[in-house]
Amino acid sequence: MNQMDLYAFVYRGVLTEEALGRTGRRRRSHFGAEDARELQQSLSFDSLDPDLLAEGQRMSVVYAAVHAFENAVRAMVTKAMSEKHGANWWGKVPERIRRTSKSRMEEDAKFRWHGARGSNEINYCDFGDLSSIIVTSWAVFEDLLGNLEWAKATLTSLEKSRNIVMHGGTVAKEDVERIGMNIRDWIRQAG
């Protein structure tokens, strides 16, 4: 295949993607009702206590928001640290966090039959570790986050609620509202 053929092939692919997008084609990143039904069947939903299941489904909405936020913070930390320190930015992270992440990665590697948390060390950090990285490298994040005490307080508040939801607990309506407010404030500040 010569260069012009390759260009034409790629260009036709781009045009096809655009045309399919205009038809209302569902993207794979969209999780719809049919996807939910398939998962529910795989997870034996019909065998579970209906009241506990309903509460779990309510908390799953909170979980989804916290999950997305936590991983957005991971991405922000990775981007900011790599822009400042380059590809070897992980060496600037506190030793305690590096050691724990390495240990968790090694443990995951023993169970190749099971999916892993991710391929990077930062995927093995606790939520609180992300805050520690930001605090210990504040010069990297100051322009982005503006105020260290606000950033710490926001992440601490979110971590409290996160831990409850991620470990099978239930948060009250007021806590859900606080989670939403903190996420909105963080996004307005950090982008």
C-alpha atoms as a PDB file:
ATOM      1  CA  MET A   1       0.000   0.000   0.000  1.00  0.00           C
ATOM      2  CA  ASN A   2       1.534   3.323  -1.022  1.00  0.00           C
ATOM      3  CA  GLN A   3       1.233   6.557   0.930  1.00  0.00           C
ATOM      4  CA  MET A   4      -1.702   7.897  -1.139  1.00  0.00           C
ATOM      5  CA  ASP A   5      -3.640   4.633  -0.713  1.00  0.00           C
ATOM      6  CA  LEU A   6      -3.030   4.736   3.035  1.00  0.00           C
ATOM      7  CA  TYR A   7      -4.165   8.366   3.203  1.00  0.00           C
ATOM      8  CA  ALA A   8      -7.334   7.559   1.254  1.00  0.00           C
ATOM      9  CA  PHE A   9      -8.046   4.547   3.473  1.00  0.00           C
ATOM     10  CA  VAL A  10      -7.671   6.568   6.681  1.00  0.00           C
ATOM     11  CA  TYR A  11      -9.698   9.469   5.272  1.00  0.00           C
ATOM     12  CA  ARG A  12     -12.561   7.126   4.283  1.00  0.00           C
ATOM     13  CA  GLY A  13     -12.498   5.745   7.829  1.00  0.00           C
ATOM     14  CA  VAL A  14     -12.794   9.244   9.286  1.00  0.00           C
ATOM     15  CA  LEU A  15     -15.679  10.080   6.964  1.00  0.00           C
ATOM     16  CA  THR A  16     -17.424   6.803   7.863  1.00  0.00           C
ATOM     17  CA  GLU A  17     -17.079   7.550  11.598  1.00  0.00           C
ATOM     18  CA  GLU A  18     -18.559  11.012  11.094  1.00  0.00           C
ATOM     19  CA  ALA A  19     -21.459   9.655   9.044  1.00  0.00           C
ATOM     20  CA  LEU A  20     -22.210   6.955  11.602  1.00  0.00           C
ATOM     21  CA  GLY A  21     -22.063   9.541  14.374  1.00  0.00           C
ATOM     22  CA  ARG A  22     -24.684  11.660  12.584  1.00  0.00           C
ATOM     23  CA  THR A  23     -27.048   8.685  12.339  1.00  0.00           C
ATOM     24  CA  GLY A  24     -27.312   8.501  16.119  1.00  0.00           C
ATOM     25  CA  ARG A  25     -25.170   5.393  16.429  1.00  0.00           C
ATOM     26  CA  ARG A  26     -24.622   4.451  20.052  1.00  0.00           C
ATOM     27  CA  ARG A  27     -20.992   4.730  21.122  1.00  0.00           C
ATOM     28  CA  ARG A  28     -19.477   1.915  23.175  1.00  0.00           C
ATOM     29  CA  SER A  29     -18.779   4.288  26.056  1.00  0.00           C
ATOM     30  CA  HIS A  30     -22.540   4.671  26.515  1.00  0.00           C
ATOM     31  CA  PHE A  31     -23.982   2.316  29.094  1.00  0.00           C
ATOM     32  CA  GLY A  32     -27.641   1.744  28.354  1.00  0.00           C
ATOM     33  CA  ALA A  33     -30.606  -0.219  29.646  1.00  0.00           C
ATOM     34  CA  GLU A  34     -29.736  -3.332  27.628  1.00  0.00           C
ATOM     35  CA  ASP A  35     -26.193  -3.285  29.034  1.00  0.00           C
ATOM     36  CA  ALA A  36     -27.644  -2.982  32.545  1.00  0.00           C
ATOM     37  CA  ARG A  37     -30.016  -5.915  31.985  1.00  0.00           C
ATOM     38  CA  GLU A  38     -27.157  -8.119  30.777  1.00  0.00           C
ATOM     39  CA  LEU A  39     -25.048  -7.262  33.825  1.00  0.00           C
ATOM     40  CA  GLN A  40     -27.968  -7.792  36.178  1.00  0.00           C
ATOM     41  CA  GLN A  41     -28.541 -11.246  34.722  1.00  0.00           C
ATOM     42  CA  SER A  42     -24.831 -12.115  35.035  1.00  0.00           C
ATOM     43  CA  LEU A  43     -24.848 -10.911  38.641  1.00  0.00           C
ATOM     44  CA  SER A  44     -27.944 -12.897  39.699  1.00  0.00           C
ATOM     45  CA  PHE A  45     -29.949  -9.795  40.627  1.00  0.00           C
ATOM     46  CA  ASP A  46     -33.110 -11.880  40.855  1.00  0.00           C
ATOM     47  CA  SER A  47     -31.579 -13.831  43.769  1.00  0.00           C
ATOM     48  CA  LEU A  48     -30.783 -10.781  45.893  1.00  0.00           C
ATOM     49  CA  ASP A  49     -32.892  -9.140  48.604  1.00  0.00           C
ATOM     50  CA  PRO A  50     -35.046  -6.496  46.830  1.00  0.00           C
ATOM     51  CA  ASP A  51     -34.670  -3.848  49.565  1.00  0.00           C
ATOM     52  CA  LEU A  52     -30.896  -4.232  49.740  1.00  0.00           C
ATOM     53  CA  LEU A  53     -30.724  -4.237  45.956  1.00  0.00           C
ATOM     54  CA  ALA A  54     -32.750  -1.014  45.724  1.00  0.00           C
ATOM     55  CA  GLU A  55     -30.439   0.688  48.233  1.00  0.00           C
ATOM     56  CA  GLY A  56     -27.426  -0.603  46.316  1.00  0.00           C
ATOM     57  CA  GLN A  57     -28.830   0.759  43.070  1.00  0.00           C
ATOM     58  CA  ARG A  58     -29.361   4.154  44.720  1.00  0.00           C
ATOM     59  CA  MET A  59     -25.757   4.132  45.963  1.00  0.00           C
ATOM     60  CA  SER A  60     -24.529   2.994  42.532  1.00  0.00           C
ATOM     61  CA  VAL A  61     -25.387   6.448  41.199  1.00  0.00           C
ATOM     62  CA  VAL A  62     -23.227   8.010  43.927  1.00  0.00           C
ATOM     63  CA  TYR A  63     -20.526   5.418  43.236  1.00  0.00           C
ATOM     64  CA  ALA A  64     -20.481   6.335  39.534  1.00  0.00           C
ATOM     65  CA  ALA A  65     -19.938  10.022  40.313  1.00  0.00           C
ATOM     66  CA  VAL A  66     -17.233   9.330  42.898  1.00  0.00           C
ATOM     67  CA  HIS A  67     -15.542   6.803  40.595  1.00  0.00           C
ATOM     68  CA  ALA A  68     -15.436   9.288  37.718  1.00  0.00           C
ATOM     69  CA  PHE A  69     -14.191  12.073  40.005  1.00  0.00           C
ATOM     70  CA  GLU A  70     -11.474   9.940  41.600  1.00  0.00           C
ATOM     71  CA  ASN A  71     -10.157   8.888  38.223  1.00  0.00           C
ATOM     72  CA  ALA A  72     -10.316  12.468  36.939  1.00  0.00           C
ATOM     73  CA  VAL A  73      -8.103  13.482  39.884  1.00  0.00           C
ATOM     74  CA  ARG A  74      -5.709  10.635  38.989  1.00  0.00           C
ATOM     75  CA  ALA A  75      -5.561  11.930  35.416  1.00  0.00           C
ATOM     76  CA  MET A  76      -5.010  15.513  36.616  1.00  0.00           C
ATOM     77  CA  VAL A  77      -2.188  14.443  38.952  1.00  0.00           C
ATOM     78  CA  THR A  78      -0.569  12.379  36.209  1.00  0.00           C
ATOM     79  CA  LYS A  79      -0.796  15.203  33.671  1.00  0.00           C
ATOM     80  CA  ALA A  80       0.463  17.941  35.996  1.00  0.00           C
ATOM     81  CA  MET A  81       3.308  15.859  37.415  1.00  0.00           C
ATOM     82  CA  SER A  82       4.450  14.598  34.015  1.00  0.00           C
ATOM     83  CA  GLU A  83       4.368  18.118  32.567  1.00  0.00           C
ATOM     84  CA  LYS A  84       6.555  19.341  35.430  1.00  0.00           C
ATOM     85  CA  HIS A  85       8.881  16.354  35.911  1.00  0.00           C
ATOM     86  CA  GLY A  86       8.666  14.386  32.674  1.00  0.00           C
ATOM     87  CA  ALA A  87       8.152  10.659  32.185  1.00  0.00           C
ATOM     88  CA  ASN A  88       9.889   9.782  35.467  1.00  0.00           C
ATOM     89  CA  TRP A  89       7.560  11.895  37.601  1.00  0.00           C
ATOM     90  CA  TRP A  90       6.584   8.896  39.750  1.00  0.00           C
ATOM     91  CA  GLY A  91       9.972   9.171  41.454  1.00  0.00           C
ATOM     92  CA  LYS A  92       8.824  12.510  42.938  1.00  0.00           C
ATOM     93  CA  VAL A  93       5.934  10.822  44.785  1.00  0.00           C
ATOM     94  CA  PRO A  94       6.453  10.107  48.506  1.00  0.00           C
ATOM     95  CA  GLU A  95       8.243   6.805  49.117  1.00  0.00           C
ATOM     96  CA  ARG A  96       5.411   5.404  51.253  1.00  0.00           C
ATOM     97  CA  ILE A  97       2.955   5.779  48.355  1.00  0.00           C
ATOM     98  CA  ARG A  98       5.400   4.335  45.807  1.00  0.00           C
ATOM     99  CA  ARG A  99       6.086   1.342  48.054  1.00  0.00           C
ATOM    100  CA  THR A 100       2.385   0.608  48.661  1.00  0.00           C
ATOM    101  CA  SER A 101       1.530   0.959  44.969  1.00  0.00           C
ATOM    102  CA  LYS A 102       4.379  -1.333  43.967  1.00  0.00           C
ATOM    103  CA  SER A 103       3.278  -3.946  46.498  1.00  0.00           C
ATOM    104  CA  ARG A 104      -0.312  -3.823  45.215  1.00  0.00           C
ATOM    105  CA  MET A 105       0.839  -4.128  41.613  1.00  0.00           C
ATOM    106  CA  GLU A 106       2.952  -7.157  42.497  1.00  0.00           C
ATOM    107  CA  GLU A 107      -0.007  -8.735  44.281  1.00  0.00           C
ATOM    108  CA  ASP A 108      -2.261  -8.155  41.257  1.00  0.00           C
ATOM    109  CA  ALA A 109       0.373  -9.682  38.982  1.00  0.00           C
ATOM    110  CA  LYS A 110       0.081 -12.969  40.892  1.00  0.00           C
ATOM    111  CA  PHE A 111      -3.526 -13.312  39.757  1.00  0.00           C
ATOM    112  CA  ARG A 112      -3.190 -13.031  35.989  1.00  0.00           C
ATOM    113  CA  TRP A 113      -6.630 -14.630  35.558  1.00  0.00           C
ATOM    114  CA  HIS A 114      -8.241 -11.545  37.109  1.00  0.00           C
ATOM    115  CA  GLY A 115      -8.358  -8.018  35.756  1.00  0.00           C
ATOM    116  CA  ALA A 116      -5.980  -5.492  37.287  1.00  0.00           C
ATOM    117  CA  ARG A 117      -6.644  -1.987  38.613  1.00  0.00           C
ATOM    118  CA  GLY A 118      -4.629  -0.526  35.788  1.00  0.00           C
ATOM    119  CA  SER A 119      -1.219  -0.449  34.203  1.00  0.00           C
ATOM    120  CA  ASN A 120       0.254   2.519  36.072  1.00  0.00           C
ATOM    121  CA  GLU A 121       1.350   2.916  39.662  1.00  0.00           C
ATOM    122  CA  ILE A 122      -1.093   5.744  40.257  1.00  0.00           C
ATOM    123  CA  ASN A 123      -3.984   3.320  39.681  1.00  0.00           C
ATOM    124  CA  TYR A 124      -2.860   1.526  42.849  1.00  0.00           C
ATOM    125  CA  CYS A 125      -2.968   4.624  45.064  1.00  0.00           C
ATOM    126  CA  ASP A 126      -5.685   5.160  47.630  1.00  0.00           C
ATOM    127  CA  PHE A 127      -7.832   8.254  47.233  1.00  0.00           C
ATOM    128  CA  GLY A 128      -6.031   9.837  50.195  1.00  0.00           C
ATOM    129  CA  ASP A 129      -2.706   9.194  48.464  1.00  0.00           C
ATOM    130  CA  LEU A 130      -3.789  11.458  45.623  1.00  0.00           C
ATOM    131  CA  SER A 131      -4.272  14.240  48.156  1.00  0.00           C
ATOM    132  CA  SER A 132      -0.829  13.495  49.632  1.00  0.00           C
ATOM    133  CA  ILE A 133       0.784  13.736  46.197  1.00  0.00           C
ATOM    134  CA  ILE A 134      -0.898  17.107  45.627  1.00  0.00           C
ATOM    135  CA  VAL A 135       0.153  18.403  49.066  1.00  0.00           C
ATOM    136  CA  THR A 136       3.774  17.229  48.833  1.00  0.00           C
ATOM    137  CA  SER A 137       4.087  18.638  45.305  1.00  0.00           C
ATOM    138  CA  TRP A 138       2.013  21.753  45.901  1.00  0.00           C
ATOM    139  CA  ALA A 139       4.215  23.914  43.661  1.00  0.00           C
ATOM    140  CA  VAL A 140       3.050  21.767  40.728  1.00  0.00           C
ATOM    141  CA  PHE A 141      -0.649  22.221  41.572  1.00  0.00           C
ATOM    142  CA  GLU A 142      -0.796  25.729  43.031  1.00  0.00           C
ATOM    143  CA  ASP A 143      -1.686  27.508  39.772  1.00  0.00           C
ATOM    144  CA  LEU A 144      -4.322  24.895  39.005  1.00  0.00           C
ATOM    145  CA  LEU A 145      -5.974  24.533  42.422  1.00  0.00           C
ATOM    146  CA  GLY A 146      -5.235  27.933  43.940  1.00  0.00           C
ATOM    147  CA  ASN A 147      -5.521  27.213  47.646  1.00  0.00           C
ATOM    148  CA  LEU A 148      -3.895  24.296  49.437  1.00  0.00           C
ATOM    149  CA  GLU A 149      -6.268  24.267  52.416  1.00  0.00           C
ATOM    150  CA  TRP A 150      -9.321  24.294  50.143  1.00  0.00           C
ATOM    151  CA  ALA A 151      -7.918  21.441  48.016  1.00  0.00           C
ATOM    152  CA  LYS A 152      -7.119  19.341  51.112  1.00  0.00           C
ATOM    153  CA  ALA A 153     -10.519  20.021  52.707  1.00  0.00           C
ATOM    154  CA  THR A 154     -12.386  19.178  49.502  1.00  0.00           C
ATOM    155  CA  LEU A 155     -10.532  15.905  48.981  1.00  0.00           C
ATOM    156  CA  THR A 156     -10.856  14.967  52.668  1.00  0.00           C
ATOM    157  CA  SER A 157     -14.609  15.518  52.595  1.00  0.00           C
ATOM    158  CA  LEU A 158     -14.977  13.522  49.390  1.00  0.00           C
ATOM    159  CA  GLU A 159     -12.770  10.738  50.747  1.00  0.00           C
ATOM    160  CA  LYS A 160     -15.026  10.318  53.789  1.00  0.00           C
ATOM    161  CA  SER A 161     -18.115   9.845  51.621  1.00  0.00           C
ATOM    162  CA  ARG A 162     -16.194   7.807  49.067  1.00  0.00           C
ATOM    163  CA  ASN A 163     -15.075   5.302  51.661  1.00  0.00           C
ATOM    164  CA  ILE A 164     -18.613   4.800  52.921  1.00  0.00           C
ATOM    165  CA  VAL A 165     -20.031   4.207  49.439  1.00  0.00           C
ATOM    166  CA  MET A 166     -17.120   2.094  48.183  1.00  0.00           C
ATOM    167  CA  HIS A 167     -17.329  -0.213  51.198  1.00  0.00           C
ATOM    168  CA  GLY A 168     -21.022  -1.024  51.041  1.00  0.00           C
ATOM    169  CA  GLY A 169     -22.379   1.792  53.179  1.00  0.00           C
ATOM    170  CA  THR A 170     -25.132   4.281  52.516  1.00  0.00           C
ATOM    171  CA  VAL A 171     -24.814   8.051  52.531  1.00  0.00           C
ATOM    172  CA  ALA A 172     -27.678  10.381  53.397  1.00  0.00           C
ATOM    173  CA  LYS A 173     -29.224  12.908  51.004  1.00  0.00           C
ATOM    174  CA  GLU A 174     -27.213  15.705  52.642  1.00  0.00           C
ATOM    175  CA  ASP A 175     -24.001  13.782  52.039  1.00  0.00           C
ATOM    176  CA  VAL A 176     -24.946  13.245  48.399  1.00  0.00           C
ATOM    177  CA  GLU A 177     -25.552  16.982  48.037  1.00  0.00           C
ATOM    178  CA  ARG A 178     -22.158  17.704  49.646  1.00  0.00           C
ATOM    179  CA  ILE A 179     -20.467  15.262  47.260  1.00  0.00           C
ATOM    180  CA  GLY A 180     -22.095  17.009  44.310  1.00  0.00           C
ATOM    181  CA  MET A 181     -21.148  20.469  45.588  1.00  0.00           C
ATOM    182  CA  ASN A 182     -17.527  19.420  46.153  1.00  0.00           C
ATOM    183  CA  ILE A 183     -17.271  17.825  42.705  1.00  0.00           C
ATOM    184  CA  ARG A 184     -18.777  20.925  41.049  1.00  0.00           C
ATOM    185  CA  ASP A 185     -16.432  23.249  42.953  1.00  0.00           C
ATOM    186  CA  TRP A 186     -13.382  21.115  42.084  1.00  0.00           C
ATOM    187  CA  ILE A 187     -14.290  21.015  38.399  1.00  0.00           C
ATOM    188  CA  ARG A 188     -14.882  24.772  38.310  1.00  0.00           C
ATOM    189  CA  GLN A 189     -11.466  25.321  39.881  1.00  0.00           C
ATOM    190  CA  ALA A 190      -9.355  22.637  38.222  1.00  0.00           C
ATOM    191  CA  GLY A 191     -11.235  22.318  34.945  1.00  0.00           C
END
